[in-house]
Amino acid sequence: MKRENVTYKSTHERLAAEGFLPEQPLTVRSKISTNEKGKRYVLVAGGLESVVYAVDGYIIKNGLRCDRLVLVKYPTDEKESEGWAEVFVELKGVDTNHAIDQLRETLKKGIFKHPSNIIIRARIVAQSFPSNKSNPAMEKAKQEFRKNYNCELRGMKSGQEDTI
């Protein structure tokens, strides 16, 4: 169901137009929380409008994909355009290398790319992380994500609060 000539104001508008219903609707929240199998991601939204979409098995049905997409409407100086913070979330047990692959493949998808996405983040919420010194794959991935996707990759513990 591709619409090549349609211009959308944001990733949220595109997802809605293509029939994807959010897991948590667009509304003003001070905190956003999403969880799966005992892992919980928490984003302090500071009273901004936000929406949460399930990605895994819903927006993307095949191949590697992350669990959730959190979109936060972000204030911009330009009155006519929308700015959004886009946070891709993978809720994981311990396999951070697989989580990196899932986030990488999700970031490549055109459906999530839009000029209004002024902040792009990728978060791995895991039971435990190897220390950075013993996890060169995570450090290498952080550099790759920054360079290739203009995206900040970060590992977090379940329930640890994140900020935009």
C-alpha atoms as a PDB file:
ATOM      1  CA  MET A   1       0.000   0.000   0.000  1.00  0.00           C
ATOM      2  CA  LYS A   2       2.531   2.589  -1.166  1.00  0.00           C
ATOM      3  CA  ARG A   3       1.544   6.098  -2.086  1.00  0.00           C
ATOM      4  CA  GLU A   4       4.503   7.516  -3.968  1.00  0.00           C
ATOM      5  CA  ASN A   5       3.174  11.010  -4.701  1.00  0.00           C
ATOM      6  CA  VAL A   6       1.656  11.792  -1.317  1.00  0.00           C
ATOM      7  CA  THR A   7       3.509  14.246   0.915  1.00  0.00           C
ATOM      8  CA  TYR A   8       3.148  13.698   4.643  1.00  0.00           C
ATOM      9  CA  LYS A   9       3.972  16.236   7.340  1.00  0.00           C
ATOM     10  CA  SER A  10       5.561  13.586   9.571  1.00  0.00           C
ATOM     11  CA  THR A  11       6.250   9.907  10.103  1.00  0.00           C
ATOM     12  CA  HIS A  12       3.222   9.839  12.425  1.00  0.00           C
ATOM     13  CA  GLU A  13       0.962  11.247   9.693  1.00  0.00           C
ATOM     14  CA  ARG A  14       2.297   8.691   7.207  1.00  0.00           C
ATOM     15  CA  LEU A  15       1.787   5.746   9.566  1.00  0.00           C
ATOM     16  CA  ALA A  16      -1.755   6.911  10.360  1.00  0.00           C
ATOM     17  CA  ALA A  17      -2.574   7.427   6.654  1.00  0.00           C
ATOM     18  CA  GLU A  18      -1.325   3.929   5.858  1.00  0.00           C
ATOM     19  CA  GLY A  19      -3.697   2.482   8.459  1.00  0.00           C
ATOM     20  CA  PHE A  20      -1.344   1.763  11.344  1.00  0.00           C
ATOM     21  CA  LEU A  21      -3.011   2.338  14.696  1.00  0.00           C
ATOM     22  CA  PRO A  22      -0.764   3.439  17.546  1.00  0.00           C
ATOM     23  CA  GLU A  23      -0.332   1.300  20.642  1.00  0.00           C
ATOM     24  CA  GLN A  24      -0.607   4.549  22.637  1.00  0.00           C
ATOM     25  CA  PRO A  25      -2.426   7.422  20.871  1.00  0.00           C
ATOM     26  CA  LEU A  26      -1.054  10.923  20.282  1.00  0.00           C
ATOM     27  CA  THR A  27      -1.578  12.876  23.488  1.00  0.00           C
ATOM     28  CA  VAL A  28       0.308  15.054  25.955  1.00  0.00           C
ATOM     29  CA  ARG A  29       2.304  12.992  28.468  1.00  0.00           C
ATOM     30  CA  SER A  30       4.896  13.795  31.097  1.00  0.00           C
ATOM     31  CA  LYS A  31       6.323  10.243  30.784  1.00  0.00           C
ATOM     32  CA  ILE A  32       5.991   7.533  28.168  1.00  0.00           C
ATOM     33  CA  SER A  33       6.332   3.919  29.202  1.00  0.00           C
ATOM     34  CA  THR A  34       6.258   0.786  27.077  1.00  0.00           C
ATOM     35  CA  ASN A  35       7.152  -2.742  28.110  1.00  0.00           C
ATOM     36  CA  GLU A  36       7.449  -6.331  26.948  1.00  0.00           C
ATOM     37  CA  LYS A  37       8.404  -9.533  28.793  1.00  0.00           C
ATOM     38  CA  GLY A  38       9.389  -7.677  31.947  1.00  0.00           C
ATOM     39  CA  LYS A  39      11.585  -5.070  30.185  1.00  0.00           C
ATOM     40  CA  ARG A  40      10.362  -1.471  30.438  1.00  0.00           C
ATOM     41  CA  TYR A  41      11.398   1.644  28.520  1.00  0.00           C
ATOM     42  CA  VAL A  42      10.578   5.007  30.118  1.00  0.00           C
ATOM     43  CA  LEU A  43      10.977   8.348  28.351  1.00  0.00           C
ATOM     44  CA  VAL A  44      10.494  11.651  30.161  1.00  0.00           C
ATOM     45  CA  ALA A  45       8.475  13.612  27.589  1.00  0.00           C
ATOM     46  CA  GLY A  46       8.119  16.803  29.611  1.00  0.00           C
ATOM     47  CA  GLY A  47       4.493  17.438  28.712  1.00  0.00           C
ATOM     48  CA  LEU A  48       4.981  17.140  24.947  1.00  0.00           C
ATOM     49  CA  GLU A  49       2.652  15.272  22.603  1.00  0.00           C
ATOM     50  CA  SER A  50       3.763  11.697  21.992  1.00  0.00           C
ATOM     51  CA  VAL A  51       2.605   8.492  20.345  1.00  0.00           C
ATOM     52  CA  VAL A  52       3.865   4.879  20.521  1.00  0.00           C
ATOM     53  CA  TYR A  53       3.707   2.360  17.674  1.00  0.00           C
ATOM     54  CA  ALA A  54       4.382  -1.378  17.753  1.00  0.00           C
ATOM     55  CA  VAL A  55       6.897  -2.104  14.981  1.00  0.00           C
ATOM     56  CA  ASP A  56       7.641  -5.826  15.419  1.00  0.00           C
ATOM     57  CA  GLY A  57       4.997  -7.897  13.650  1.00  0.00           C
ATOM     58  CA  TYR A  58       2.773  -4.890  12.932  1.00  0.00           C
ATOM     59  CA  ILE A  59       4.419  -2.161  10.842  1.00  0.00           C
ATOM     60  CA  ILE A  60       7.225  -4.530   9.818  1.00  0.00           C
ATOM     61  CA  LYS A  61       6.159  -8.153   9.607  1.00  0.00           C
ATOM     62  CA  ASN A  62       9.277  -9.823   8.147  1.00  0.00           C
ATOM     63  CA  GLY A  63      12.992  -9.725   8.786  1.00  0.00           C
ATOM     64  CA  LEU A  64      14.780  -8.015  11.632  1.00  0.00           C
ATOM     65  CA  ARG A  65      12.917  -5.155  13.337  1.00  0.00           C
ATOM     66  CA  CYS A  66      12.800  -3.398  16.685  1.00  0.00           C
ATOM     67  CA  ASP A  67       9.903  -3.611  19.137  1.00  0.00           C
ATOM     68  CA  ARG A  68       8.567  -0.037  19.380  1.00  0.00           C
ATOM     69  CA  LEU A  69       8.727   3.405  17.839  1.00  0.00           C
ATOM     70  CA  VAL A  70       8.127   6.361  20.145  1.00  0.00           C
ATOM     71  CA  LEU A  71       7.441   9.680  18.408  1.00  0.00           C
ATOM     72  CA  VAL A  72       7.493  12.920  20.395  1.00  0.00           C
ATOM     73  CA  LYS A  73       6.315  16.168  18.795  1.00  0.00           C
ATOM     74  CA  TYR A  74       9.204  18.524  19.325  1.00  0.00           C
ATOM     75  CA  PRO A  75       8.925  22.320  19.329  1.00  0.00           C
ATOM     76  CA  THR A  76      10.615  24.036  16.368  1.00  0.00           C
ATOM     77  CA  ASP A  77      11.261  27.658  15.515  1.00  0.00           C
ATOM     78  CA  GLU A  78       9.391  27.292  12.248  1.00  0.00           C
ATOM     79  CA  LYS A  79       5.643  27.686  12.793  1.00  0.00           C
ATOM     80  CA  GLU A  80       4.640  25.938   9.575  1.00  0.00           C
ATOM     81  CA  SER A  81       6.635  22.745  10.025  1.00  0.00           C
ATOM     82  CA  GLU A  82       6.510  19.961  12.577  1.00  0.00           C
ATOM     83  CA  GLY A  83       9.545  18.658  14.389  1.00  0.00           C
ATOM     84  CA  TRP A  84       9.652  15.175  15.876  1.00  0.00           C
ATOM     85  CA  ALA A  85      11.931  13.126  18.044  1.00  0.00           C
ATOM     86  CA  GLU A  86      11.989   9.520  16.882  1.00  0.00           C
ATOM     87  CA  VAL A  87      13.045   6.831  19.377  1.00  0.00           C
ATOM     88  CA  PHE A  88      13.432   3.232  18.205  1.00  0.00           C
ATOM     89  CA  VAL A  89      13.242   0.824  21.153  1.00  0.00           C
ATOM     90  CA  GLU A  90      14.390  -2.796  21.378  1.00  0.00           C
ATOM     91  CA  LEU A  91      13.410  -4.543  24.610  1.00  0.00           C
ATOM     92  CA  LYS A  92      15.910  -7.365  25.033  1.00  0.00           C
ATOM     93  CA  GLY A  93      17.049  -9.975  27.519  1.00  0.00           C
ATOM     94  CA  VAL A  94      20.812 -10.121  27.078  1.00  0.00           C
ATOM     95  CA  ASP A  95      21.635 -10.481  23.355  1.00  0.00           C
ATOM     96  CA  THR A  96      22.704  -6.910  22.631  1.00  0.00           C
ATOM     97  CA  ASN A  97      24.389  -7.836  19.327  1.00  0.00           C
ATOM     98  CA  HIS A  98      21.067  -9.121  17.977  1.00  0.00           C
ATOM     99  CA  ALA A  99      19.357  -5.953  19.287  1.00  0.00           C
ATOM    100  CA  ILE A 100      21.882  -3.816  17.366  1.00  0.00           C
ATOM    101  CA  ASP A 101      21.072  -5.752  14.176  1.00  0.00           C
ATOM    102  CA  GLN A 102      17.329  -5.316  14.751  1.00  0.00           C
ATOM    103  CA  LEU A 103      17.664  -1.549  15.267  1.00  0.00           C
ATOM    104  CA  ARG A 104      19.980  -1.171  12.251  1.00  0.00           C
ATOM    105  CA  GLU A 105      17.514  -2.930   9.936  1.00  0.00           C
ATOM    106  CA  THR A 106      14.586  -0.879  11.267  1.00  0.00           C
ATOM    107  CA  LEU A 107      16.445   2.406  10.728  1.00  0.00           C
ATOM    108  CA  LYS A 108      16.978   1.475   7.060  1.00  0.00           C
ATOM    109  CA  LYS A 109      13.223   1.332   6.368  1.00  0.00           C
ATOM    110  CA  GLY A 110      11.934   4.215   4.266  1.00  0.00           C
ATOM    111  CA  ILE A 111       8.608   4.363   6.097  1.00  0.00           C
ATOM    112  CA  PHE A 112      10.404   5.820   9.138  1.00  0.00           C
ATOM    113  CA  LYS A 113      12.436   8.442   7.259  1.00  0.00           C
ATOM    114  CA  HIS A 114      11.088  11.985   7.149  1.00  0.00           C
ATOM    115  CA  PRO A 115      12.665  15.465   7.230  1.00  0.00           C
ATOM    116  CA  SER A 116      10.572  16.377  10.301  1.00  0.00           C
ATOM    117  CA  ASN A 117      12.514  13.811  12.386  1.00  0.00           C
ATOM    118  CA  ILE A 118      15.017  16.234  13.896  1.00  0.00           C
ATOM    119  CA  ILE A 119      16.136  13.906  16.703  1.00  0.00           C
ATOM    120  CA  ILE A 120      16.707  10.193  16.059  1.00  0.00           C
ATOM    121  CA  ARG A 121      17.554   7.803  18.882  1.00  0.00           C
ATOM    122  CA  ALA A 122      17.903   4.038  19.183  1.00  0.00           C
ATOM    123  CA  ARG A 123      17.610   2.399  22.599  1.00  0.00           C
ATOM    124  CA  ILE A 124      18.392  -1.127  23.713  1.00  0.00           C
ATOM    125  CA  VAL A 125      16.694  -1.938  27.005  1.00  0.00           C
ATOM    126  CA  ALA A 126      18.327  -5.072  28.356  1.00  0.00           C
ATOM    127  CA  GLN A 127      18.585  -7.173  31.480  1.00  0.00           C
ATOM    128  CA  SER A 128      22.326  -6.613  31.563  1.00  0.00           C
ATOM    129  CA  PHE A 129      25.079  -5.167  29.431  1.00  0.00           C
ATOM    130  CA  PRO A 130      28.707  -6.131  29.145  1.00  0.00           C
ATOM    131  CA  SER A 131      30.942  -3.253  30.195  1.00  0.00           C
ATOM    132  CA  ASN A 132      31.943  -1.009  27.290  1.00  0.00           C
ATOM    133  CA  LYS A 133      35.528  -2.202  27.517  1.00  0.00           C
ATOM    134  CA  SER A 134      34.464  -5.781  26.909  1.00  0.00           C
ATOM    135  CA  ASN A 135      31.808  -4.885  24.314  1.00  0.00           C
ATOM    136  CA  PRO A 136      33.577  -3.397  21.299  1.00  0.00           C
ATOM    137  CA  ALA A 137      30.527  -4.292  19.144  1.00  0.00           C
ATOM    138  CA  MET A 138      28.366  -1.769  21.035  1.00  0.00           C
ATOM    139  CA  GLU A 139      31.000   0.975  20.767  1.00  0.00           C
ATOM    140  CA  LYS A 140      31.461   0.297  17.054  1.00  0.00           C
ATOM    141  CA  ALA A 141      27.678   0.306  16.535  1.00  0.00           C
ATOM    142  CA  LYS A 142      27.345   3.678  18.335  1.00  0.00           C
ATOM    143  CA  GLN A 143      29.790   5.216  15.845  1.00  0.00           C
ATOM    144  CA  GLU A 144      28.109   3.508  12.875  1.00  0.00           C
ATOM    145  CA  PHE A 145      24.605   4.666  13.913  1.00  0.00           C
ATOM    146  CA  ARG A 146      25.827   8.239  14.392  1.00  0.00           C
ATOM    147  CA  LYS A 147      27.567   8.279  11.011  1.00  0.00           C
ATOM    148  CA  ASN A 148      25.048   6.372   8.859  1.00  0.00           C
ATOM    149  CA  TYR A 149      21.691   7.281  10.422  1.00  0.00           C
ATOM    150  CA  ASN A 150      22.411  10.489  12.398  1.00  0.00           C
ATOM    151  CA  CYS A 151      21.161   8.440  15.328  1.00  0.00           C
ATOM    152  CA  GLU A 152      22.312   8.160  18.921  1.00  0.00           C
ATOM    153  CA  LEU A 153      22.473   4.515  20.069  1.00  0.00           C
ATOM    154  CA  ARG A 154      22.412   3.807  23.785  1.00  0.00           C
ATOM    155  CA  GLY A 155      21.983   0.798  26.038  1.00  0.00           C
ATOM    156  CA  MET A 156      19.749   1.156  29.085  1.00  0.00           C
ATOM    157  CA  LYS A 157      18.586  -0.900  32.016  1.00  0.00           C
ATOM    158  CA  SER A 158      14.908  -1.755  32.329  1.00  0.00           C
ATOM    159  CA  GLY A 159      13.005   1.092  33.987  1.00  0.00           C
ATOM    160  CA  GLN A 160      15.894   3.570  33.654  1.00  0.00           C
ATOM    161  CA  GLU A 161      14.511   6.956  32.591  1.00  0.00           C
ATOM    162  CA  ASP A 162      15.556   8.411  29.242  1.00  0.00           C
ATOM    163  CA  THR A 163      15.244  12.029  28.065  1.00  0.00           C
ATOM    164  CA  ILE A 164      15.002  13.661  24.657  1.00  0.00           C
END
